[in-house]
Amino acid sequence: MTGTLFLIPNTLGYNEGQQDGLLAKIIPDTVQAMSAQLGHFVAENAKTTRAYLKFLGQHHPLKLAMQDIQISELNVNTPVQALEGLLQPLLQGHDVGLISEAGVPAVADPGANLVRLAHQRNITVRPLVGPSSLLLALMGSGLNGQSFAFHGYLPTDATLRAKRIKELEDRSRKERQTQLLIETPYRNAAMLEALANQCQAQSLICVATDLTLPTESIQTRTAAEWKKRIAAGQSPDFHKKPTVFLFLAS
């Protein structure tokens, strides 16, 4: 009998001194309790997963001592041929938790490949409820939630990025579809400036930063309004902060 692959939600980030009550507000108690009972994890980052489990253990006693919990890494550098090995505990009958660096696994996350392979091996997959920055940003943006697409990272080259933004804006206009993007946090300012400059003046752009955290900010304005605010030095406080960008063509 094979084990079950649980898709474990993580917080979207936290700072020291901001932990009190954080899990209760973001991760359902039943999900916390289930996560604490697992002895095997596949994680995007083993170090941060241990920190999360230590945090979790303050609220729900862990089934095993930290040194006895097995954590294997799965990230963008993991070769495809290594996925079979990550499934071995499941094939041996152990339940395994797949956990992302932040938010839910397998969405904008390399865990999707492992989930697909688990289905191919007839392993039960159970996604658990937790925060998704993409859906929270879409909910709070006021943009079209009936039709939307996530594109991950755009090219870092300014010319290629501008071309891609134009392509996505054309698609947004034709299909009335909200476009979602993310960026490396230290390049947030460059991304917002590119969107404001390349999009039509009345296209709506939303900047959603530090979702679920005390410093959360969600602002939706036209491209023209963003250009004025950037020129006046009134950009969002989003430097080195996780941010989702959304836009909808007018």
Protein backbone atom coordinates (compact mmCIF):
# COMPACT_ATOMS: atom_id res chain seq x y z
CA MET A 1 0.00 0.00 0.00
CA THR A 2 1.42 3.36 -1.02
CA GLY A 3 1.45 6.48 1.12
CA THR A 4 -0.33 9.75 0.37
CA LEU A 5 1.39 12.83 -1.07
CA PHE A 6 0.10 15.80 0.93
CA LEU A 7 0.57 19.24 -0.63
CA ILE A 8 1.45 21.36 2.39
CA PRO A 9 0.85 25.14 2.31
CA ASN A 10 3.49 27.42 3.78
CA THR A 11 3.18 31.00 4.96
CA LEU A 12 3.93 33.77 2.47
CA GLY A 13 6.70 35.00 4.76
CA TYR A 14 7.11 36.39 8.26
CA ASN A 15 9.54 38.42 10.30
CA GLU A 16 10.81 37.82 13.79
CA GLY A 17 8.40 39.41 16.22
CA GLN A 18 5.46 38.97 13.83
CA GLN A 19 4.89 35.27 14.45
CA ASP A 20 2.27 35.42 17.22
CA GLY A 21 -1.02 34.21 15.82
CA LEU A 22 0.34 34.10 12.27
CA LEU A 23 -0.32 30.40 11.65
CA ALA A 24 -3.82 30.57 13.09
CA LYS A 25 -4.67 33.42 10.73
CA ILE A 26 -3.24 31.83 7.60
CA ILE A 27 -3.02 28.02 7.93
CA PRO A 28 -6.12 26.09 9.09
CA ASP A 29 -5.59 24.24 12.36
CA THR A 30 -6.44 20.88 10.79
CA VAL A 31 -3.73 21.46 8.17
CA GLN A 32 -1.23 22.36 10.89
CA ALA A 33 -2.05 19.20 12.83
CA MET A 34 -1.77 16.98 9.75
CA SER A 35 1.55 18.53 8.76
CA ALA A 36 2.97 17.92 12.23
CA GLN A 37 2.28 14.20 11.89
CA LEU A 38 4.47 13.72 8.82
CA GLY A 39 7.97 12.33 9.02
CA HIS A 40 8.93 12.74 5.36
CA PHE A 41 8.99 15.95 3.34
CA VAL A 42 10.00 17.04 -0.14
CA ALA A 43 10.89 20.72 0.07
CA GLU A 44 11.99 23.50 -2.21
CA ASN A 45 14.48 24.50 0.50
CA ALA A 46 15.38 22.16 3.38
CA LYS A 47 16.69 24.90 5.67
CA THR A 48 13.57 27.06 5.52
CA THR A 49 11.37 23.97 5.83
CA ARG A 50 13.10 23.06 9.10
CA ALA A 51 12.48 26.61 10.30
CA TYR A 52 8.81 26.28 9.36
CA LEU A 53 8.49 22.92 11.13
CA LYS A 54 10.13 24.39 14.23
CA PHE A 55 7.58 27.21 14.10
CA LEU A 56 4.78 24.69 13.56
CA GLY A 57 6.01 22.62 16.51
CA GLN A 58 5.29 25.53 18.83
CA HIS A 59 1.59 24.99 18.12
CA HIS A 60 1.35 21.26 17.35
CA PRO A 61 3.88 18.73 18.70
CA LEU A 62 5.81 17.15 15.86
CA LYS A 63 5.45 13.38 15.49
CA LEU A 64 9.22 12.96 15.25
CA ALA A 65 12.19 14.82 16.64
CA MET A 66 13.52 17.35 14.15
CA GLN A 67 16.69 15.33 13.52
CA ASP A 68 14.58 12.29 12.61
CA ILE A 69 12.42 14.05 10.03
CA GLN A 70 13.59 13.30 6.49
CA ILE A 71 13.65 16.29 4.13
CA SER A 72 14.62 15.89 0.47
CA GLU A 73 15.00 18.91 -1.78
CA LEU A 74 13.17 19.55 -5.06
CA ASN A 75 13.94 22.84 -6.76
CA VAL A 76 14.58 24.27 -10.22
CA ASN A 77 17.98 22.56 -10.29
CA THR A 78 16.65 19.07 -9.55
CA PRO A 79 17.10 16.79 -12.59
CA VAL A 80 13.99 15.01 -13.86
CA GLN A 81 15.61 11.62 -13.30
CA ALA A 82 15.81 12.34 -9.55
CA LEU A 83 12.02 12.50 -9.16
CA GLU A 84 11.62 8.72 -8.97
CA GLY A 85 13.89 8.65 -5.93
CA LEU A 86 11.79 11.30 -4.19
CA LEU A 87 8.76 9.01 -4.52
CA GLN A 88 10.41 6.05 -2.81
CA PRO A 89 9.08 6.77 0.73
CA LEU A 90 5.57 6.93 -0.75
CA LEU A 91 6.03 3.63 -2.58
CA GLN A 92 7.22 2.15 0.74
CA GLY A 93 3.96 3.19 2.42
CA HIS A 94 5.01 6.45 4.10
CA ASP A 95 2.98 9.65 3.81
CA VAL A 96 5.01 12.56 2.42
CA GLY A 97 4.47 16.31 2.54
CA LEU A 98 5.41 18.42 -0.48
CA ILE A 99 6.11 21.96 0.74
CA SER A 100 7.06 25.12 -1.14
CA GLU A 101 9.32 27.96 -0.06
CA ALA A 102 6.19 30.09 0.33
CA GLY A 103 2.51 29.64 -0.39
CA VAL A 104 1.08 26.51 -1.95
CA PRO A 105 3.23 23.88 -3.69
CA ALA A 106 3.01 23.01 -7.38
CA VAL A 107 1.75 26.49 -8.37
CA ALA A 108 4.60 28.61 -9.76
CA ASP A 109 6.69 25.93 -8.08
CA PRO A 110 8.80 22.96 -9.30
CA GLY A 111 6.68 20.54 -7.24
CA ALA A 112 4.21 20.16 -10.11
CA ASN A 113 6.52 17.64 -11.81
CA LEU A 114 6.52 15.41 -8.72
CA VAL A 115 2.73 15.62 -8.43
CA ARG A 116 2.32 14.56 -12.05
CA LEU A 117 4.65 11.60 -11.53
CA ALA A 118 2.74 10.61 -8.38
CA HIS A 119 -0.45 10.40 -10.44
CA GLN A 120 1.35 8.23 -12.97
CA ARG A 121 2.36 5.86 -10.13
CA ASN A 122 -1.22 5.77 -8.77
CA ILE A 123 -0.19 7.57 -5.58
CA THR A 124 -2.99 9.49 -3.85
CA VAL A 125 -2.45 13.27 -3.92
CA ARG A 126 -4.15 15.51 -1.36
CA PRO A 127 -3.87 19.30 -1.72
CA LEU A 128 -4.40 21.12 1.58
CA VAL A 129 -5.85 24.59 2.06
CA GLY A 130 -3.45 27.49 2.42
CA PRO A 131 -2.48 30.92 1.05
CA SER A 132 -1.77 31.47 -2.65
CA SER A 133 -0.28 34.88 -3.38
CA LEU A 134 -1.59 34.72 -6.96
CA LEU A 135 -5.21 34.15 -6.01
CA LEU A 136 -5.08 36.62 -3.11
CA ALA A 137 -3.66 39.26 -5.44
CA LEU A 138 -6.34 38.57 -8.04
CA MET A 139 -9.07 38.74 -5.40
CA GLY A 140 -7.83 42.08 -4.11
CA SER A 141 -7.06 43.68 -7.47
CA GLY A 142 -10.56 44.40 -8.73
CA LEU A 143 -9.49 43.06 -12.13
CA ASN A 144 -11.20 40.29 -14.10
CA GLY A 145 -11.35 37.14 -11.98
CA GLN A 146 -13.34 35.21 -14.60
CA SER A 147 -10.46 34.97 -17.05
CA PHE A 148 -6.81 35.26 -16.06
CA ALA A 149 -3.35 33.87 -16.87
CA PHE A 150 -0.12 33.61 -14.90
CA HIS A 151 3.12 34.08 -16.84
CA GLY A 152 5.80 33.86 -14.14
CA TYR A 153 8.87 35.97 -14.83
CA LEU A 154 9.27 38.21 -17.87
CA PRO A 155 12.62 38.65 -19.67
CA THR A 156 15.15 40.77 -17.78
CA ASP A 157 16.36 42.38 -21.00
CA ALA A 158 14.50 45.69 -21.28
CA THR A 159 13.75 45.38 -25.00
CA LEU A 160 12.48 41.81 -24.75
CA ARG A 161 10.48 42.65 -21.64
CA ALA A 162 8.80 45.59 -23.36
CA LYS A 163 7.91 43.40 -26.32
CA ARG A 164 6.42 40.74 -24.04
CA ILE A 165 4.35 43.30 -22.13
CA LYS A 166 2.90 44.57 -25.40
CA GLU A 167 2.04 41.00 -26.43
CA LEU A 168 0.31 40.29 -23.14
CA GLU A 169 -1.56 43.59 -23.21
CA ASP A 170 -2.87 42.77 -26.69
CA ARG A 171 -4.02 39.39 -25.41
CA SER A 172 -5.61 41.02 -22.37
CA ARG A 173 -7.51 43.46 -24.59
CA LYS A 174 -8.77 40.80 -27.01
CA GLU A 175 -9.81 38.31 -24.32
CA ARG A 176 -10.59 40.67 -21.41
CA GLN A 177 -8.09 38.57 -19.51
CA THR A 178 -6.14 39.63 -16.43
CA GLN A 179 -2.40 38.99 -16.76
CA LEU A 180 -0.38 38.01 -13.65
CA LEU A 181 3.41 38.29 -13.29
CA ILE A 182 6.04 37.99 -10.60
CA GLU A 183 9.52 39.45 -10.39
CA THR A 184 12.68 39.02 -8.35
CA PRO A 185 11.94 41.38 -5.41
CA TYR A 186 14.93 43.68 -5.96
CA ARG A 187 13.68 44.33 -9.52
CA ASN A 188 10.14 45.32 -8.53
CA ALA A 189 10.67 48.99 -9.34
CA ALA A 190 11.96 48.17 -12.82
CA MET A 191 8.95 45.95 -13.49
CA LEU A 192 6.40 48.55 -12.42
CA GLU A 193 8.14 51.23 -14.49
CA ALA A 194 8.14 48.92 -17.53
CA LEU A 195 4.44 48.16 -17.12
CA ALA A 196 3.55 51.83 -16.66
CA ASN A 197 5.55 52.85 -19.73
CA GLN A 198 4.52 50.06 -22.08
CA CYS A 199 0.83 49.67 -21.27
CA GLN A 200 -1.82 51.97 -22.70
CA ALA A 201 -2.65 54.93 -20.46
CA GLN A 202 -6.01 53.56 -19.23
CA SER A 203 -4.89 49.95 -18.70
CA LEU A 204 -5.23 48.95 -15.06
CA ILE A 205 -2.13 47.80 -13.17
CA CYS A 206 -2.25 46.26 -9.70
CA VAL A 207 0.73 45.89 -7.37
CA ALA A 208 0.15 43.41 -4.52
CA THR A 209 2.95 43.23 -1.94
CA ASP A 210 3.58 41.23 1.27
CA LEU A 211 0.20 39.52 1.09
CA THR A 212 -1.11 38.20 4.47
CA LEU A 213 1.64 40.08 6.32
CA PRO A 214 1.22 43.18 8.52
CA THR A 215 2.90 45.21 5.76
CA GLU A 216 0.43 44.05 3.09
CA SER A 217 -0.34 46.54 0.32
CA ILE A 218 -2.62 46.21 -2.72
CA GLN A 219 -2.92 49.16 -5.10
CA THR A 220 -4.71 49.27 -8.47
CA ARG A 221 -4.27 52.32 -10.71
CA THR A 222 -4.16 53.12 -14.42
CA ALA A 223 -0.82 53.06 -16.21
CA ALA A 224 -1.02 56.83 -16.53
CA GLU A 225 -1.56 57.25 -12.80
CA TRP A 226 1.38 54.95 -12.02
CA LYS A 227 3.64 56.98 -14.34
CA LYS A 228 2.77 60.16 -12.46
CA ARG A 229 3.37 58.54 -9.08
CA ILE A 230 6.71 57.08 -10.16
CA ALA A 231 7.83 60.49 -11.49
CA ALA A 232 6.81 62.07 -8.17
CA GLY A 233 8.76 59.49 -6.16
CA GLN A 234 5.58 57.84 -4.86
CA SER A 235 6.21 54.24 -5.89
CA PRO A 236 4.93 51.52 -3.53
CA ASP A 237 7.11 50.41 -0.63
CA PHE A 238 7.99 47.13 -2.32
CA HIS A 239 11.79 47.02 -2.59
CA LYS A 240 12.95 43.46 -1.88
CA LYS A 241 9.40 42.45 -0.91
CA PRO A 242 7.49 39.59 -2.59
CA THR A 243 5.10 41.21 -5.07
CA VAL A 244 2.55 40.08 -7.63
CA PHE A 245 1.89 42.31 -10.63
CA LEU A 246 -1.44 42.19 -12.48
CA PHE A 247 -2.77 44.19 -15.40
CA LEU A 248 -5.91 44.38 -17.50
CA ALA A 249 -6.05 46.27 -20.79
CA SER A 250 -8.64 48.99 -21.21
